[in-house]
Structure formats: C-alpha cells, structure tokens
Amino acid sequence: MMERLNIGASQTRLEGFTNIDVAPWADISLDLGTDPLPFADDSVDCVFSYHTLEHVPDYLFALGEIHRVLKHGAPFLVGLPYVTLTEVHLVNPYHLHNFNEHSFDFFEKGKLRNSASEDVMRRPIEFKKAFHRFHYMGVANVLPERGKRWARRHLFNVVRKIDYGLVAVKHDGPVEFDADALRAEFLACMAAREPYRKKPASPPPPNDWRAKKRQFRTWWAGKED
C-alpha cells in the first residue's frame, strides 16, 4: 500500500493521503516546524503540500523531515506564493519565507547546493527539480518568454504563485522521473482537494458565458490551479 502525505491540511484534505497539519481536525496534528513526522525513514511514496512551507518558522526542519521520510526518487509536489507578490504575500505577517524558481536549487547538486555555507552533514537535504510552473498575472500572461523572464527579475506582481515537482535524492544511485507525469500528478492532487466542510455545489451550465468570464478572470489573475 502506498503511503502518501498531504502536508498542511488545515483547510482541505486529500482522500487516500494522510492529512497532516497543526489544526486539530487533521488526520495527524503536529507542528511542522518542531515535530518530527511520525513515519520511518524512506517510507513515503509521495508528499503534496500547497501554500504551507511559507508559514513554517523553521522551514529547513520541515523540509528535512519531508526529505527524511520520502523514498529515493519519490516526488515532493509543492505550491507556494511567488516572492514578488506584494498584495497577499510580502505584506502578509504570517508568510515567513520567500520562494522563486531558484529556491530549491540550494538543495540540488550541480546547482546551488553547498553554495551557502550550509551544514550538509547535519541537514543532508537533496532534491532534484523535475519542473516548476509560473502562474502569471495580467498582461504578463501574453508576454513572449524573454519578456516574462525580464519581468520576473525586475518587476513586482508578475507571478502570483509557483508550483514545483521535486524528487528526493537519498543516495548516489540514479534518479529517474517523468516530468510530464509529475505535472499531471500535481494537477490531480489540486483537483482532488476537498474542504473539511463541504458546501453544496451548483455548477453553471457548460455554455454559460458568465462561467467562461470567471474562468478567464481567474487565469488572467494567475489564480488557476
């Protein structure tokens, strides 16, 4: 039986996952920044986490625990707010860390790992990034790739959030992964999230122009899953 974890499950849960959060209604209630995950080393097949790590004071402890329990080559699928989002991130007193497309390079050999005088013996955290995906805002959605890259580096409020697919590296053996399959798995997890208290759904007709307008606004604002 596969062991899969949903880390940071205060608002939504995932069926078939062990839902973990500080909230008392989670399957396992603990403090991600101080409490070890109650799983053996190399025992977990997948970890999903959405907009959680930015809230954890000791982010490196939480990341270390995620890495410890994952099997070699197992995915860590994570979504986070983008560093230059001002409205609900940079001014948010509950967001303690910033993330962009380079954040997890500090845990990958051949990129930025060992570049920050970190203690890699005490915190042997190593991941390999399979993909990242930007959720652009407004006019940035239609810029050419070169323009998007310039805007990300120099402007605020270009990207709302960023998704990553990482795989755990536990030893020197090869790490094989399918980036497209991991993207699909991330999207499947997003679609499967359920609120703890369900509200009755009344989906609009498929050709409702108002529904299409809402979908366009969601995409334009970078809020789509």
C-alpha atoms as a PDB file:
ATOM      1  CA  MET A   1       0.000   0.000   0.000  1.00  0.00           C
ATOM      2  CA  MET A   2       1.342   3.415  -0.976  1.00  0.00           C
ATOM      3  CA  GLU A   3       1.982   5.950   1.795  1.00  0.00           C
ATOM      4  CA  ARG A   4       1.160   9.478   0.651  1.00  0.00           C
ATOM      5  CA  LEU A   5       1.154  12.648   2.762  1.00  0.00           C
ATOM      6  CA  ASN A   6      -0.705  15.929   2.397  1.00  0.00           C
ATOM      7  CA  ILE A   7       1.374  18.423   4.378  1.00  0.00           C
ATOM      8  CA  GLY A   8      -0.516  21.488   5.598  1.00  0.00           C
ATOM      9  CA  ALA A   9      -4.100  20.258   5.593  1.00  0.00           C
ATOM     10  CA  SER A  10      -5.886  22.844   7.716  1.00  0.00           C
ATOM     11  CA  GLN A  11      -8.402  23.883   5.045  1.00  0.00           C
ATOM     12  CA  THR A  12      -8.588  20.946   2.647  1.00  0.00           C
ATOM     13  CA  ARG A  13      -7.926  17.223   2.714  1.00  0.00           C
ATOM     14  CA  LEU A  14      -6.933  14.631   0.123  1.00  0.00           C
ATOM     15  CA  GLU A  15      -8.637  11.259   0.012  1.00  0.00           C
ATOM     16  CA  GLY A  16      -6.099   8.437   0.084  1.00  0.00           C
ATOM     17  CA  PHE A  17      -3.480  10.669   1.745  1.00  0.00           C
ATOM     18  CA  THR A  18      -2.558  11.087   5.396  1.00  0.00           C
ATOM     19  CA  ASN A  19      -3.517  14.727   6.026  1.00  0.00           C
ATOM     20  CA  ILE A  20      -1.082  16.488   8.381  1.00  0.00           C
ATOM     21  CA  ASP A  21      -1.361  19.944   9.927  1.00  0.00           C
ATOM     22  CA  VAL A  22      -1.241  21.822  13.210  1.00  0.00           C
ATOM     23  CA  ALA A  23      -5.047  22.017  13.024  1.00  0.00           C
ATOM     24  CA  PRO A  24      -6.704  19.521  15.408  1.00  0.00           C
ATOM     25  CA  TRP A  25      -9.041  18.118  12.740  1.00  0.00           C
ATOM     26  CA  ALA A  26      -6.209  16.836  10.526  1.00  0.00           C
ATOM     27  CA  ASP A  27      -5.508  13.091  10.468  1.00  0.00           C
ATOM     28  CA  ILE A  28      -2.257  13.828  12.305  1.00  0.00           C
ATOM     29  CA  SER A  29      -1.947  17.097  14.226  1.00  0.00           C
ATOM     30  CA  LEU A  30       1.588  18.374  14.777  1.00  0.00           C
ATOM     31  CA  ASP A  31       3.808  21.441  14.428  1.00  0.00           C
ATOM     32  CA  LEU A  32       5.687  21.085  11.146  1.00  0.00           C
ATOM     33  CA  GLY A  33       8.470  23.360  12.372  1.00  0.00           C
ATOM     34  CA  THR A  34       9.321  21.406  15.527  1.00  0.00           C
ATOM     35  CA  ASP A  35       7.724  17.940  15.497  1.00  0.00           C
ATOM     36  CA  PRO A  36       9.240  15.031  13.553  1.00  0.00           C
ATOM     37  CA  LEU A  37       6.921  13.341  11.078  1.00  0.00           C
ATOM     38  CA  PRO A  38       5.762  10.024  12.621  1.00  0.00           C
ATOM     39  CA  PHE A  39       6.995   7.926   9.705  1.00  0.00           C
ATOM     40  CA  ALA A  40      10.088   5.813   9.231  1.00  0.00           C
ATOM     41  CA  ASP A  41      12.985   6.872   7.025  1.00  0.00           C
ATOM     42  CA  ASP A  42      12.457   6.109   3.320  1.00  0.00           C
ATOM     43  CA  SER A  43       8.842   5.004   3.835  1.00  0.00           C
ATOM     44  CA  VAL A  44       6.723   7.571   1.962  1.00  0.00           C
ATOM     45  CA  ASP A  45       5.848   7.386  -1.749  1.00  0.00           C
ATOM     46  CA  CYS A  46       4.659  10.977  -2.299  1.00  0.00           C
ATOM     47  CA  VAL A  47       4.301  14.263  -0.411  1.00  0.00           C
ATOM     48  CA  PHE A  48       1.959  17.022  -1.559  1.00  0.00           C
ATOM     49  CA  SER A  49       1.958  20.467   0.046  1.00  0.00           C
ATOM     50  CA  TYR A  50       0.114  23.603  -1.035  1.00  0.00           C
ATOM     51  CA  HIS A  51       0.888  27.073   0.370  1.00  0.00           C
ATOM     52  CA  THR A  52       2.201  25.780   3.677  1.00  0.00           C
ATOM     53  CA  LEU A  53       6.001  25.990   3.875  1.00  0.00           C
ATOM     54  CA  GLU A  54       5.935  29.792   3.811  1.00  0.00           C
ATOM     55  CA  HIS A  55       4.140  29.684   7.196  1.00  0.00           C
ATOM     56  CA  VAL A  56       6.601  27.364   8.996  1.00  0.00           C
ATOM     57  CA  PRO A  57       9.167  29.245  11.131  1.00  0.00           C
ATOM     58  CA  ASP A  58      11.823  26.513  10.852  1.00  0.00           C
ATOM     59  CA  TYR A  59      11.292  25.774   7.190  1.00  0.00           C
ATOM     60  CA  LEU A  60      14.541  23.803   6.927  1.00  0.00           C
ATOM     61  CA  PHE A  61      13.450  21.451   9.724  1.00  0.00           C
ATOM     62  CA  ALA A  62      10.156  20.765   7.939  1.00  0.00           C
ATOM     63  CA  LEU A  63      11.906  20.250   4.609  1.00  0.00           C
ATOM     64  CA  GLY A  64      14.423  17.948   6.264  1.00  0.00           C
ATOM     65  CA  GLU A  65      11.637  15.813   7.709  1.00  0.00           C
ATOM     66  CA  ILE A  66       9.913  15.609   4.325  1.00  0.00           C
ATOM     67  CA  HIS A  67      13.191  14.541   2.741  1.00  0.00           C
ATOM     68  CA  ARG A  68      13.875  12.003   5.511  1.00  0.00           C
ATOM     69  CA  VAL A  69      10.596  10.117   5.099  1.00  0.00           C
ATOM     70  CA  LEU A  70      10.495  10.127   1.285  1.00  0.00           C
ATOM     71  CA  LYS A  71      11.835   7.161  -0.627  1.00  0.00           C
ATOM     72  CA  HIS A  72      14.681   7.675  -3.088  1.00  0.00           C
ATOM     73  CA  GLY A  73      13.155   9.138  -6.256  1.00  0.00           C
ATOM     74  CA  ALA A  74       9.758   9.790  -4.629  1.00  0.00           C
ATOM     75  CA  PRO A  75       8.066  13.099  -5.550  1.00  0.00           C
ATOM     76  CA  PHE A  76       7.562  16.171  -3.414  1.00  0.00           C
ATOM     77  CA  LEU A  77       4.847  18.244  -5.129  1.00  0.00           C
ATOM     78  CA  VAL A  78       4.617  21.735  -3.701  1.00  0.00           C
ATOM     79  CA  GLY A  79       2.860  25.024  -4.468  1.00  0.00           C
ATOM     80  CA  LEU A  80       3.963  28.338  -2.943  1.00  0.00           C
ATOM     81  CA  PRO A  81       3.387  32.102  -3.319  1.00  0.00           C
ATOM     82  CA  TYR A  82       5.900  33.844  -5.569  1.00  0.00           C
ATOM     83  CA  VAL A  83       8.470  36.103  -3.940  1.00  0.00           C
ATOM     84  CA  THR A  84       7.436  39.373  -5.664  1.00  0.00           C
ATOM     85  CA  LEU A  85       3.686  39.154  -4.978  1.00  0.00           C
ATOM     86  CA  THR A  86       3.029  42.211  -2.816  1.00  0.00           C
ATOM     87  CA  GLU A  87      -0.720  42.119  -2.166  1.00  0.00           C
ATOM     88  CA  VAL A  88      -1.093  38.901  -0.171  1.00  0.00           C
ATOM     89  CA  HIS A  89       2.493  37.711   0.298  1.00  0.00           C
ATOM     90  CA  LEU A  90       5.174  40.301   1.043  1.00  0.00           C
ATOM     91  CA  VAL A  91       2.899  42.271   3.375  1.00  0.00           C
ATOM     92  CA  ASN A  92       1.439  39.140   4.977  1.00  0.00           C
ATOM     93  CA  PRO A  93       2.786  38.840   8.549  1.00  0.00           C
ATOM     94  CA  TYR A  94       2.120  35.085   8.506  1.00  0.00           C
ATOM     95  CA  HIS A  95       4.326  34.458   5.455  1.00  0.00           C
ATOM     96  CA  LEU A  96       7.851  33.965   6.789  1.00  0.00           C
ATOM     97  CA  HIS A  97       9.789  32.803   3.688  1.00  0.00           C
ATOM     98  CA  ASN A  98      10.093  33.740   0.022  1.00  0.00           C
ATOM     99  CA  PHE A  99      10.235  31.428  -2.979  1.00  0.00           C
ATOM    100  CA  ASN A 100      11.044  31.687  -6.668  1.00  0.00           C
ATOM    101  CA  GLU A 101      12.277  29.386  -9.420  1.00  0.00           C
ATOM    102  CA  HIS A 102      15.728  29.149  -7.796  1.00  0.00           C
ATOM    103  CA  SER A 103      14.671  28.343  -4.224  1.00  0.00           C
ATOM    104  CA  PHE A 104      15.121  24.583  -4.420  1.00  0.00           C
ATOM    105  CA  ASP A 105      18.359  24.864  -6.404  1.00  0.00           C
ATOM    106  CA  PHE A 106      20.019  25.198  -2.978  1.00  0.00           C
ATOM    107  CA  PHE A 107      19.192  21.512  -2.440  1.00  0.00           C
ATOM    108  CA  GLU A 108      20.370  20.177  -5.810  1.00  0.00           C
ATOM    109  CA  LYS A 109      23.886  19.098  -6.709  1.00  0.00           C
ATOM    110  CA  GLY A 110      25.291  20.901  -9.730  1.00  0.00           C
ATOM    111  CA  LYS A 111      23.203  23.981  -8.961  1.00  0.00           C
ATOM    112  CA  LEU A 112      23.369  25.966  -5.704  1.00  0.00           C
ATOM    113  CA  ARG A 113      23.771  23.172  -3.152  1.00  0.00           C
ATOM    114  CA  ASN A 114      26.822  23.797  -0.926  1.00  0.00           C
ATOM    115  CA  SER A 115      26.937  27.443  -2.050  1.00  0.00           C
ATOM    116  CA  ALA A 116      25.538  28.986   1.150  1.00  0.00           C
ATOM    117  CA  SER A 117      27.931  27.574   3.797  1.00  0.00           C
ATOM    118  CA  GLU A 118      25.161  25.262   4.960  1.00  0.00           C
ATOM    119  CA  ASP A 119      25.846  22.233   7.126  1.00  0.00           C
ATOM    120  CA  VAL A 120      25.051  19.472   4.638  1.00  0.00           C
ATOM    121  CA  MET A 121      26.224  16.811   7.066  1.00  0.00           C
ATOM    122  CA  ARG A 122      23.713  17.877   9.711  1.00  0.00           C
ATOM    123  CA  ARG A 123      20.956  18.585   7.163  1.00  0.00           C
ATOM    124  CA  PRO A 124      21.568  16.183   4.256  1.00  0.00           C
ATOM    125  CA  ILE A 125      18.664  17.514   2.204  1.00  0.00           C
ATOM    126  CA  GLU A 126      18.901  16.819  -1.501  1.00  0.00           C
ATOM    127  CA  PHE A 127      16.242  17.092  -4.195  1.00  0.00           C
ATOM    128  CA  LYS A 128      16.263  17.169  -7.963  1.00  0.00           C
ATOM    129  CA  LYS A 129      13.785  19.500  -9.641  1.00  0.00           C
ATOM    130  CA  ALA A 130      11.646  17.955 -12.356  1.00  0.00           C
ATOM    131  CA  PHE A 131       9.625  21.077 -13.175  1.00  0.00           C
ATOM    132  CA  HIS A 132       8.364  24.427 -11.998  1.00  0.00           C
ATOM    133  CA  ARG A 133       5.337  26.306 -13.283  1.00  0.00           C
ATOM    134  CA  PHE A 134       4.601  30.028 -13.028  1.00  0.00           C
ATOM    135  CA  HIS A 135       1.112  31.463 -12.582  1.00  0.00           C
ATOM    136  CA  TYR A 136       1.399  34.795 -14.363  1.00  0.00           C
ATOM    137  CA  MET A 137      -0.756  37.832 -13.651  1.00  0.00           C
ATOM    138  CA  GLY A 138      -2.430  40.213 -16.062  1.00  0.00           C
ATOM    139  CA  VAL A 139      -0.535  41.297 -19.153  1.00  0.00           C
ATOM    140  CA  ALA A 140       2.415  39.056 -18.214  1.00  0.00           C
ATOM    141  CA  ASN A 141       0.330  36.129 -19.460  1.00  0.00           C
ATOM    142  CA  VAL A 142       0.757  37.293 -23.067  1.00  0.00           C
ATOM    143  CA  LEU A 143       4.394  38.429 -22.981  1.00  0.00           C
ATOM    144  CA  PRO A 144       6.956  36.461 -25.000  1.00  0.00           C
ATOM    145  CA  GLU A 145       9.206  34.227 -22.922  1.00  0.00           C
ATOM    146  CA  ARG A 146      12.063  36.732 -22.969  1.00  0.00           C
ATOM    147  CA  GLY A 147       9.721  39.453 -21.698  1.00  0.00           C
ATOM    148  CA  LYS A 148       8.386  37.201 -18.952  1.00  0.00           C
ATOM    149  CA  ARG A 149      11.924  36.434 -17.790  1.00  0.00           C
ATOM    150  CA  TRP A 150      12.826  40.145 -17.681  1.00  0.00           C
ATOM    151  CA  ALA A 151       9.593  40.996 -15.838  1.00  0.00           C
ATOM    152  CA  ARG A 152      10.153  38.284 -13.207  1.00  0.00           C
ATOM    153  CA  ARG A 153      13.613  39.649 -12.482  1.00  0.00           C
ATOM    154  CA  HIS A 154      12.745  43.357 -12.325  1.00  0.00           C
ATOM    155  CA  LEU A 155       9.044  43.875 -11.519  1.00  0.00           C
ATOM    156  CA  PHE A 156       6.604  43.152  -8.723  1.00  0.00           C
ATOM    157  CA  ASN A 157       3.273  41.348  -9.179  1.00  0.00           C
ATOM    158  CA  VAL A 158       4.178  39.497 -12.361  1.00  0.00           C
ATOM    159  CA  VAL A 159       3.739  35.994 -10.912  1.00  0.00           C
ATOM    160  CA  ARG A 160       1.157  35.124  -8.257  1.00  0.00           C
ATOM    161  CA  LYS A 161       2.363  31.633  -7.317  1.00  0.00           C
ATOM    162  CA  ILE A 162       4.713  28.889  -8.403  1.00  0.00           C
ATOM    163  CA  ASP A 163       4.389  25.095  -8.460  1.00  0.00           C
ATOM    164  CA  TYR A 164       7.277  22.632  -8.234  1.00  0.00           C
ATOM    165  CA  GLY A 165       7.822  18.951  -8.832  1.00  0.00           C
ATOM    166  CA  LEU A 166      10.836  17.696  -6.895  1.00  0.00           C
ATOM    167  CA  VAL A 167      12.177  14.190  -6.388  1.00  0.00           C
ATOM    168  CA  ALA A 168      14.060  13.102  -3.280  1.00  0.00           C
ATOM    169  CA  VAL A 169      17.704  12.076  -3.689  1.00  0.00           C
ATOM    170  CA  LYS A 170      18.731   9.705  -0.874  1.00  0.00           C
ATOM    171  CA  HIS A 171      21.880   8.082  -2.277  1.00  0.00           C
ATOM    172  CA  ASP A 172      24.249   8.275  -5.230  1.00  0.00           C
ATOM    173  CA  GLY A 173      22.221   5.979  -7.458  1.00  0.00           C
ATOM    174  CA  PRO A 174      20.349   7.291 -10.497  1.00  0.00           C
ATOM    175  CA  VAL A 175      17.111   9.214 -10.073  1.00  0.00           C
ATOM    176  CA  GLU A 176      14.584   8.611 -12.821  1.00  0.00           C
ATOM    177  CA  PHE A 177      11.401  10.627 -13.240  1.00  0.00           C
ATOM    178  CA  ASP A 178       8.873  11.718 -15.843  1.00  0.00           C
ATOM    179  CA  ALA A 179       8.379  15.490 -15.570  1.00  0.00           C
ATOM    180  CA  ASP A 180       5.102  15.429 -17.503  1.00  0.00           C
ATOM    181  CA  ALA A 181       3.734  12.688 -15.261  1.00  0.00           C
ATOM    182  CA  LEU A 182       4.682  14.697 -12.169  1.00  0.00           C
ATOM    183  CA  ARG A 183       2.939  17.790 -13.562  1.00  0.00           C
ATOM    184  CA  ALA A 184      -0.162  15.701 -14.142  1.00  0.00           C
ATOM    185  CA  GLU A 185       0.076  14.281 -10.618  1.00  0.00           C
ATOM    186  CA  PHE A 186       0.315  17.780  -9.149  1.00  0.00           C
ATOM    187  CA  LEU A 187      -2.793  18.873 -11.055  1.00  0.00           C
ATOM    188  CA  ALA A 188      -4.630  15.720  -9.990  1.00  0.00           C
ATOM    189  CA  CYS A 189      -3.865  16.495  -6.346  1.00  0.00           C
ATOM    190  CA  MET A 190      -5.087  20.065  -6.794  1.00  0.00           C
ATOM    191  CA  ALA A 191      -8.334  18.866  -8.358  1.00  0.00           C
ATOM    192  CA  ALA A 192      -8.884  16.259  -5.623  1.00  0.00           C
ATOM    193  CA  ARG A 193      -8.588  18.652  -2.663  1.00  0.00           C
ATOM    194  CA  GLU A 194     -11.784  18.721  -0.609  1.00  0.00           C
ATOM    195  CA  PRO A 195     -12.751  21.196   2.110  1.00  0.00           C
ATOM    196  CA  TYR A 196     -13.338  19.690   5.538  1.00  0.00           C
ATOM    197  CA  ARG A 197     -16.780  21.239   5.480  1.00  0.00           C
ATOM    198  CA  LYS A 198     -18.315  20.700   2.086  1.00  0.00           C
ATOM    199  CA  LYS A 199     -20.682  23.245   0.590  1.00  0.00           C
ATOM    200  CA  PRO A 200     -23.386  22.116  -1.817  1.00  0.00           C
ATOM    201  CA  ALA A 201     -22.164  22.641  -5.359  1.00  0.00           C
ATOM    202  CA  SER A 202     -24.314  24.096  -8.110  1.00  0.00           C
ATOM    203  CA  PRO A 203     -22.150  24.113 -11.264  1.00  0.00           C
ATOM    204  CA  PRO A 204     -23.215  26.537 -14.009  1.00  0.00           C
ATOM    205  CA  PRO A 205     -24.315  25.265 -17.421  1.00  0.00           C
ATOM    206  CA  PRO A 206     -21.281  24.402 -19.591  1.00  0.00           C
ATOM    207  CA  ASN A 207     -22.012  27.187 -22.100  1.00  0.00           C
ATOM    208  CA  ASP A 208     -22.776  29.868 -19.515  1.00  0.00           C
ATOM    209  CA  TRP A 209     -20.887  32.968 -20.692  1.00  0.00           C
ATOM    210  CA  ARG A 210     -20.615  34.172 -17.114  1.00  0.00           C
ATOM    211  CA  ALA A 211     -18.777  30.991 -16.118  1.00  0.00           C
ATOM    212  CA  LYS A 212     -16.372  31.471 -19.020  1.00  0.00           C
ATOM    213  CA  LYS A 213     -15.835  35.072 -17.951  1.00  0.00           C
ATOM    214  CA  ARG A 214     -14.991  33.938 -14.408  1.00  0.00           C
ATOM    215  CA  GLN A 215     -12.586  31.332 -15.778  1.00  0.00           C
ATOM    216  CA  PHE A 216     -10.839  33.988 -17.873  1.00  0.00           C
ATOM    217  CA  ARG A 217     -10.532  36.339 -14.881  1.00  0.00           C
ATOM    218  CA  THR A 218      -9.090  33.520 -12.766  1.00  0.00           C
ATOM    219  CA  TRP A 219      -6.500  32.733 -15.448  1.00  0.00           C
ATOM    220  CA  TRP A 220      -5.695  36.411 -16.024  1.00  0.00           C
ATOM    221  CA  ALA A 221      -5.050  36.922 -12.289  1.00  0.00           C
ATOM    222  CA  GLY A 222      -2.836  33.840 -12.057  1.00  0.00           C
ATOM    223  CA  LYS A 223      -5.216  32.115  -9.638  1.00  0.00           C
ATOM    224  CA  GLU A 224      -5.934  28.954 -11.621  1.00  0.00           C
ATOM    225  CA  ASP A 225      -4.917  25.577 -10.201  1.00  0.00           C
END
